Every structure is written in structure tokens, then in C-alpha cells.
Amino acid sequence: MTTLLDEHPRLGGEPVLRELSIPSSTYYRWRQAETEPCKRHRQDAELTSRSVRSTTSPAESTAHLACTPS
């Protein structure tokens, strides 16, 4: 929704939101969440990055250390 209104500012936010029965407070909360994620989303992102790091195999994590024969 925020992308639609960003790409078509001439439409005006309030009329579009009213037509879609979306409270303006919900729209502004979505906008805020784009720049300031809530604590839960920040924790999820951190846990996801930890999970990705821990599932990387030792061969993948040390591949950059392999020596190439000269």
C-alpha cells in the first residue's frame, strides 16, 4: 500500500485509504515500521542472521582460505 501511494502521489493518501476502508492511523503505522521496525522484527532479523551463520558448513565458511596451487 505504501508503495502505491509513493508511486502515485497525485491520488492522495486519504481518499485511497478511505476507499479501501483502511484507517489512516494504520497507514502511518506501516510507514513508521518501514524505517523503525518494532522490537519483535529486530529480534527476528537477528535470530535469522544467526541461524544462517550457524547452518553454514565448515567447508563453505573456510572456502575463502583455500590455497590455489601456483
C-alpha atoms as a PDB file:
ATOM      1  CA  MET A   1       0.000   0.000   0.000  1.00  0.00           C
ATOM      2  CA  THR A   2       2.737   2.461   0.867  1.00  0.00           C
ATOM      3  CA  THR A   3       4.437   1.779  -2.475  1.00  0.00           C
ATOM      4  CA  LEU A   4       1.233   2.548  -4.349  1.00  0.00           C
ATOM      5  CA  LEU A   5       0.869   5.899  -2.666  1.00  0.00           C
ATOM      6  CA  ASP A   6       4.581   6.671  -3.105  1.00  0.00           C
ATOM      7  CA  GLU A   7       4.448   5.899  -6.828  1.00  0.00           C
ATOM      8  CA  HIS A   8       1.184   7.806  -7.403  1.00  0.00           C
ATOM      9  CA  PRO A   9       1.171  10.814  -5.075  1.00  0.00           C
ATOM     10  CA  ARG A  10      -1.417  12.567  -7.230  1.00  0.00           C
ATOM     11  CA  LEU A  11      -4.015  10.078  -5.991  1.00  0.00           C
ATOM     12  CA  GLY A  12      -3.827  11.476  -2.470  1.00  0.00           C
ATOM     13  CA  GLY A  13      -3.446   9.205   0.505  1.00  0.00           C
ATOM     14  CA  GLU A  14      -6.638   9.930   2.405  1.00  0.00           C
ATOM     15  CA  PRO A  15      -9.092   9.272  -0.470  1.00  0.00           C
ATOM     16  CA  VAL A  16      -7.364   5.987  -1.387  1.00  0.00           C
ATOM     17  CA  LEU A  17      -7.321   4.812   2.225  1.00  0.00           C
ATOM     18  CA  ARG A  18     -10.955   5.788   2.686  1.00  0.00           C
ATOM     19  CA  GLU A  19     -11.970   3.898  -0.493  1.00  0.00           C
ATOM     20  CA  LEU A  20     -10.136   0.783   0.736  1.00  0.00           C
ATOM     21  CA  SER A  21     -11.516   1.143   4.278  1.00  0.00           C
ATOM     22  CA  ILE A  22      -8.010   1.379   5.754  1.00  0.00           C
ATOM     23  CA  PRO A  23      -7.707   3.725   8.736  1.00  0.00           C
ATOM     24  CA  SER A  24      -5.103   6.428   8.169  1.00  0.00           C
ATOM     25  CA  SER A  25      -3.509   5.504  11.505  1.00  0.00           C
ATOM     26  CA  THR A  26      -2.824   2.020  10.113  1.00  0.00           C
ATOM     27  CA  TYR A  27      -1.174   3.516   7.032  1.00  0.00           C
ATOM     28  CA  TYR A  28       1.066   5.770   9.128  1.00  0.00           C
ATOM     29  CA  ARG A  29       1.968   2.832  11.376  1.00  0.00           C
ATOM     30  CA  TRP A  30       3.036   0.903   8.239  1.00  0.00           C
ATOM     31  CA  ARG A  31       5.136   3.861   7.159  1.00  0.00           C
ATOM     32  CA  GLN A  32       6.813   4.071  10.560  1.00  0.00           C
ATOM     33  CA  ALA A  33       7.513   0.326  10.568  1.00  0.00           C
ATOM     34  CA  GLU A  34       9.454   0.701   7.293  1.00  0.00           C
ATOM     35  CA  THR A  35      12.023   2.927   8.990  1.00  0.00           C
ATOM     36  CA  GLU A  36      11.676   1.867  12.621  1.00  0.00           C
ATOM     37  CA  PRO A  37      10.909  -1.865  12.908  1.00  0.00           C
ATOM     38  CA  CYS A  38       9.370  -2.980  16.170  1.00  0.00           C
ATOM     39  CA  LYS A  39      11.402  -4.889  18.748  1.00  0.00           C
ATOM     40  CA  ARG A  40       9.967  -8.238  17.582  1.00  0.00           C
ATOM     41  CA  HIS A  41      11.013  -7.653  13.952  1.00  0.00           C
ATOM     42  CA  ARG A  42      14.520  -6.595  15.029  1.00  0.00           C
ATOM     43  CA  GLN A  43      14.842  -9.758  17.155  1.00  0.00           C
ATOM     44  CA  ASP A  44      13.575 -11.917  14.276  1.00  0.00           C
ATOM     45  CA  ALA A  45      16.149 -10.407  11.922  1.00  0.00           C
ATOM     46  CA  GLU A  46      18.944 -11.048  14.418  1.00  0.00           C
ATOM     47  CA  LEU A  47      17.868 -14.655  15.001  1.00  0.00           C
ATOM     48  CA  THR A  48      17.592 -15.254  11.259  1.00  0.00           C
ATOM     49  CA  SER A  49      21.115 -13.990  10.655  1.00  0.00           C
ATOM     50  CA  ARG A  50      22.417 -16.169  13.498  1.00  0.00           C
ATOM     51  CA  SER A  51      20.614 -19.183  12.065  1.00  0.00           C
ATOM     52  CA  VAL A  52      22.101 -18.617   8.620  1.00  0.00           C
ATOM     53  CA  ARG A  53      25.589 -18.300  10.070  1.00  0.00           C
ATOM     54  CA  SER A  54      25.228 -21.445  12.174  1.00  0.00           C
ATOM     55  CA  THR A  55      23.939 -23.554   9.274  1.00  0.00           C
ATOM     56  CA  THR A  56      26.838 -22.676   7.011  1.00  0.00           C
ATOM     57  CA  SER A  57      29.010 -25.745   6.656  1.00  0.00           C
ATOM     58  CA  PRO A  58      32.678 -25.557   7.690  1.00  0.00           C
ATOM     59  CA  ALA A  59      33.731 -26.076   4.068  1.00  0.00           C
ATOM     60  CA  GLU A  60      31.665 -23.080   2.973  1.00  0.00           C
ATOM     61  CA  SER A  61      32.864 -20.877   5.792  1.00  0.00           C
ATOM     62  CA  THR A  62      36.551 -21.606   5.125  1.00  0.00           C
ATOM     63  CA  ALA A  63      36.424 -21.767   1.325  1.00  0.00           C
ATOM     64  CA  HIS A  64      37.994 -18.327   1.062  1.00  0.00           C
ATOM     65  CA  LEU A  65      41.058 -19.630   2.969  1.00  0.00           C
ATOM     66  CA  ALA A  66      41.844 -22.384   0.449  1.00  0.00           C
ATOM     67  CA  CYS A  67      45.196 -22.023  -1.257  1.00  0.00           C
ATOM     68  CA  THR A  68      45.408 -22.263  -5.006  1.00  0.00           C
ATOM     69  CA  PRO A  69      48.373 -24.139  -6.456  1.00  0.00           C
ATOM     70  CA  SER A  70      50.873 -21.921  -8.233  1.00  0.00           C
END
